[in-house]
C-alpha atoms as a PDB file:
ATOM      1  CA  UNK A   1     -20.171 101.133   4.898  1.00  0.00           C
ATOM      2  CA  UNK A   2     -18.882  98.942   7.776  1.00  0.00           C
ATOM      3  CA  UNK A   3     -15.810 101.013   8.126  1.00  0.00           C
ATOM      4  CA  UNK A   4     -17.770 104.268   8.603  1.00  0.00           C
ATOM      5  CA  UNK A   5     -20.078 102.548  11.208  1.00  0.00           C
ATOM      6  CA  UNK A   6     -16.874 101.182  13.035  1.00  0.00           C
ATOM      7  CA  UNK A   7     -15.499 104.664  12.845  1.00  0.00           C
ATOM      8  CA  UNK A   8     -18.573 106.300  14.289  1.00  0.00           C
ATOM      9  CA  UNK A   9     -18.852 103.767  17.085  1.00  0.00           C
ATOM     10  CA  UNK A  10     -15.174 104.256  18.358  1.00  0.00           C
ATOM     11  CA  UNK A  11     -15.442 108.002  18.016  1.00  0.00           C
ATOM     12  CA  UNK A  12     -18.490 107.932  20.128  1.00  0.00           C
ATOM     13  CA  UNK A  13     -16.970 105.708  22.765  1.00  0.00           C
ATOM     14  CA  UNK A  14     -13.724 107.696  22.707  1.00  0.00           C
ATOM     15  CA  UNK A  15     -15.625 110.902  23.475  1.00  0.00           C
ATOM     16  CA  UNK A  16     -16.879 109.456  26.770  1.00  0.00           C
ATOM     17  CA  UNK A  17     -14.007 106.833  27.673  1.00  0.00           C
ATOM     18  CA  UNK A  18     -10.503 107.351  26.535  1.00  0.00           C
ATOM     19  CA  UNK A  19      -8.833 104.114  25.446  1.00  0.00           C
ATOM     20  CA  UNK A  20      -5.372 103.789  23.876  1.00  0.00           C
ATOM     21  CA  UNK A  21      -6.158 100.524  22.245  1.00  0.00           C
ATOM     22  CA  UNK A  22      -9.298 102.184  20.475  1.00  0.00           C
ATOM     23  CA  UNK A  23      -7.261 105.032  19.508  1.00  0.00           C
ATOM     24  CA  UNK A  24      -4.883 102.631  17.679  1.00  0.00           C
ATOM     25  CA  UNK A  25      -7.731 100.907  15.959  1.00  0.00           C
ATOM     26  CA  UNK A  26      -9.320 104.317  15.141  1.00  0.00           C
ATOM     27  CA  UNK A  27      -6.322 105.109  13.032  1.00  0.00           C
ATOM     28  CA  UNK A  28      -6.375 102.175  10.693  1.00  0.00           C
ATOM     29  CA  UNK A  29     -10.300 101.945  10.072  1.00  0.00           C
ATOM     30  CA  UNK A  30     -10.974 103.321   6.741  1.00  0.00           C
ATOM     31  CA  UNK A  31     -13.910 105.779   7.629  1.00  0.00           C
ATOM     32  CA  UNK A  32     -15.921 107.799   5.280  1.00  0.00           C
ATOM     33  CA  UNK A  33     -13.883 110.979   5.738  1.00  0.00           C
ATOM     34  CA  UNK A  34     -10.402 110.566   6.939  1.00  0.00           C
ATOM     35  CA  UNK A  35     -10.144 114.440   7.152  1.00  0.00           C
ATOM     36  CA  UNK A  36     -12.810 114.466   9.993  1.00  0.00           C
ATOM     37  CA  UNK A  37     -10.914 111.456  11.865  1.00  0.00           C
ATOM     38  CA  UNK A  38      -7.732 113.688  11.776  1.00  0.00           C
ATOM     39  CA  UNK A  39      -9.773 116.589  13.109  1.00  0.00           C
ATOM     40  CA  UNK A  40     -11.369 114.572  15.866  1.00  0.00           C
ATOM     41  CA  UNK A  41      -8.047 113.469  17.086  1.00  0.00           C
ATOM     42  CA  UNK A  42      -6.338 116.882  16.595  1.00  0.00           C
ATOM     43  CA  UNK A  43      -8.968 118.057  18.927  1.00  0.00           C
ATOM     44  CA  UNK A  44      -8.348 115.176  21.492  1.00  0.00           C
ATOM     45  CA  UNK A  45      -4.427 115.988  21.068  1.00  0.00           C
ATOM     46  CA  UNK A  46      -5.255 119.374  22.749  1.00  0.00           C
ATOM     47  CA  UNK A  47      -6.160 117.650  25.841  1.00  0.00           C
ATOM     48  CA  UNK A  48      -3.517 115.098  25.695  1.00  0.00           C
ATOM     49  CA  UNK A  49      -0.380 116.750  24.095  1.00  0.00           C
ATOM     50  CA  UNK A  50       1.865 114.213  25.571  1.00  0.00           C
ATOM     51  CA  UNK A  51      -0.010 111.040  24.321  1.00  0.00           C
ATOM     52  CA  UNK A  52       2.307 109.259  21.945  1.00  0.00           C
ATOM     53  CA  UNK A  53      -0.477 106.955  21.080  1.00  0.00           C
ATOM     54  CA  UNK A  54      -2.496 109.904  19.626  1.00  0.00           C
ATOM     55  CA  UNK A  55       0.506 111.176  17.825  1.00  0.00           C
ATOM     56  CA  UNK A  56       0.878 107.776  16.122  1.00  0.00           C
ATOM     57  CA  UNK A  57      -2.678 107.681  15.160  1.00  0.00           C
ATOM     58  CA  UNK A  58      -2.540 111.089  13.671  1.00  0.00           C
ATOM     59  CA  UNK A  59       0.771 110.059  11.832  1.00  0.00           C
ATOM     60  CA  UNK A  60      -1.221 107.075  10.580  1.00  0.00           C
ATOM     61  CA  UNK A  61      -4.386 109.124   9.279  1.00  0.00           C
ATOM     62  CA  UNK A  62      -2.234 111.645   7.846  1.00  0.00           C
ATOM     63  CA  UNK A  63      -0.505 109.029   5.753  1.00  0.00           C
ATOM     64  CA  UNK A  64      -4.037 107.760   4.735  1.00  0.00           C
ATOM     65  CA  UNK A  65      -4.892 111.401   3.777  1.00  0.00           C
ATOM     66  CA  UNK A  66      -1.497 111.549   1.906  1.00  0.00           C
ATOM     67  CA  UNK A  67      -0.439 114.559   3.953  1.00  0.00           C
ATOM     68  CA  UNK A  68       3.282 113.534   4.134  1.00  0.00           C
ATOM     69  CA  UNK A  69       4.536 116.402   6.108  1.00  0.00           C
ATOM     70  CA  UNK A  70       1.945 116.251   8.789  1.00  0.00           C
ATOM     71  CA  UNK A  71       2.549 112.445   8.953  1.00  0.00           C
ATOM     72  CA  UNK A  72       6.305 112.822   9.299  1.00  0.00           C
ATOM     73  CA  UNK A  73       5.739 115.433  12.072  1.00  0.00           C
ATOM     74  CA  UNK A  74       3.300 113.321  14.062  1.00  0.00           C
ATOM     75  CA  UNK A  75       5.204 110.350  13.780  1.00  0.00           C
ATOM     76  CA  UNK A  76       8.434 112.089  14.969  1.00  0.00           C
ATOM     77  CA  UNK A  77       6.514 113.528  17.796  1.00  0.00           C
ATOM     78  CA  UNK A  78       5.206 110.049  18.958  1.00  0.00           C
ATOM     79  CA  UNK A  79       8.934 108.641  19.143  1.00  0.00           C
ATOM     80  CA  UNK A  80      10.032 111.959  20.790  1.00  0.00           C
ATOM     81  CA  UNK A  81       7.321 111.225  23.691  1.00  0.00           C
ATOM     82  CA  UNK A  82       7.931 107.356  23.933  1.00  0.00           C
ATOM     83  CA  UNK A  83       9.921 104.909  22.238  1.00  0.00           C
ATOM     84  CA  UNK A  84       7.155 103.279  20.242  1.00  0.00           C
ATOM     85  CA  UNK A  85       8.164 100.622  17.943  1.00  0.00           C
ATOM     86  CA  UNK A  86       5.093 100.984  15.676  1.00  0.00           C
ATOM     87  CA  UNK A  87       6.121 104.622  15.293  1.00  0.00           C
ATOM     88  CA  UNK A  88       9.494 103.642  14.497  1.00  0.00           C
ATOM     89  CA  UNK A  89       8.339 101.044  11.870  1.00  0.00           C
ATOM     90  CA  UNK A  90       6.054 103.614  10.223  1.00  0.00           C
ATOM     91  CA  UNK A  91       8.841 106.212   9.960  1.00  0.00           C
ATOM     92  CA  UNK A  92      11.071 103.346   8.624  1.00  0.00           C
ATOM     93  CA  UNK A  93       8.456 102.647   5.885  1.00  0.00           C
ATOM     94  CA  UNK A  94       7.807 106.227   5.185  1.00  0.00           C
ATOM     95  CA  UNK A  95      11.577 107.075   4.662  1.00  0.00           C
ATOM     96  CA  UNK A  96      11.886 103.906   2.455  1.00  0.00           C
ATOM     97  CA  UNK A  97       9.185 105.076   0.361  1.00  0.00           C
ATOM     98  CA  UNK A  98      10.617 108.542  -0.193  1.00  0.00           C
ATOM     99  CA  UNK A  99      14.017 106.915  -1.024  1.00  0.00           C
ATOM    100  CA  UNK A 100      15.829 108.236   2.095  1.00  0.00           C
ATOM    101  CA  UNK A 101      17.430 104.861   2.818  1.00  0.00           C
ATOM    102  CA  UNK A 102      19.643 106.216   5.516  1.00  0.00           C
ATOM    103  CA  UNK A 103      16.884 107.616   7.488  1.00  0.00           C
ATOM    104  CA  UNK A 104      14.861 104.245   7.047  1.00  0.00           C
ATOM    105  CA  UNK A 105      17.882 102.323   8.410  1.00  0.00           C
ATOM    106  CA  UNK A 106      18.329 104.855  11.285  1.00  0.00           C
ATOM    107  CA  UNK A 107      14.633 104.348  12.427  1.00  0.00           C
ATOM    108  CA  UNK A 108      14.769 100.666  11.918  1.00  0.00           C
ATOM    109  CA  UNK A 109      17.888 100.424  14.211  1.00  0.00           C
ATOM    110  CA  UNK A 110      16.266 102.690  16.701  1.00  0.00           C
ATOM    111  CA  UNK A 111      13.199 100.663  16.657  1.00  0.00           C
ATOM    112  CA  UNK A 112      15.197  97.429  17.305  1.00  0.00           C
ATOM    113  CA  UNK A 113      17.146  99.007  20.102  1.00  0.00           C
ATOM    114  CA  UNK A 114      13.923 100.137  21.684  1.00  0.00           C
ATOM    115  CA  UNK A 115      12.768  96.375  21.995  1.00  0.00           C
ATOM    116  CA  UNK A 116      15.960  94.558  22.514  1.00  0.00           C
ATOM    117  CA  UNK A 117      17.683  94.055  25.910  1.00  0.00           C
ATOM    118  CA  UNK A 118      21.155  95.681  26.144  1.00  0.00           C
ATOM    119  CA  UNK A 119      23.827  93.049  25.612  1.00  0.00           C
ATOM    120  CA  UNK A 120      27.627  93.260  24.800  1.00  0.00           C
ATOM    121  CA  UNK A 121      28.275  93.378  21.051  1.00  0.00           C
ATOM    122  CA  UNK A 122      31.532  92.719  19.137  1.00  0.00           C
ATOM    123  CA  UNK A 123      33.351  95.803  18.363  1.00  0.00           C
END
């Protein structure tokens, strides 16, 4: 299918030329086998352990694979490395789906604070 072809093409490019935007795209493409996508990025993570984009991508692919524990671990790792608003949003959505509203609100607030300038607020 088209998703599988696109996934193969992006994977081949990433093997020779690392590109953060392509990693982001790779994580949302519906390839033929999400497990192989996870495996590929887990291999890449060994060479790039501090790459928040790879962690986010692995979190999203783990969500596609319905591997909830891994998804949570990767998403938390992503925000531990970088205040990534997409990772905060994914965590918010994840915890909301689990019914953990206090955690969902916490990550929503942290994500908002990551992009907003510091301004005085009423006490």
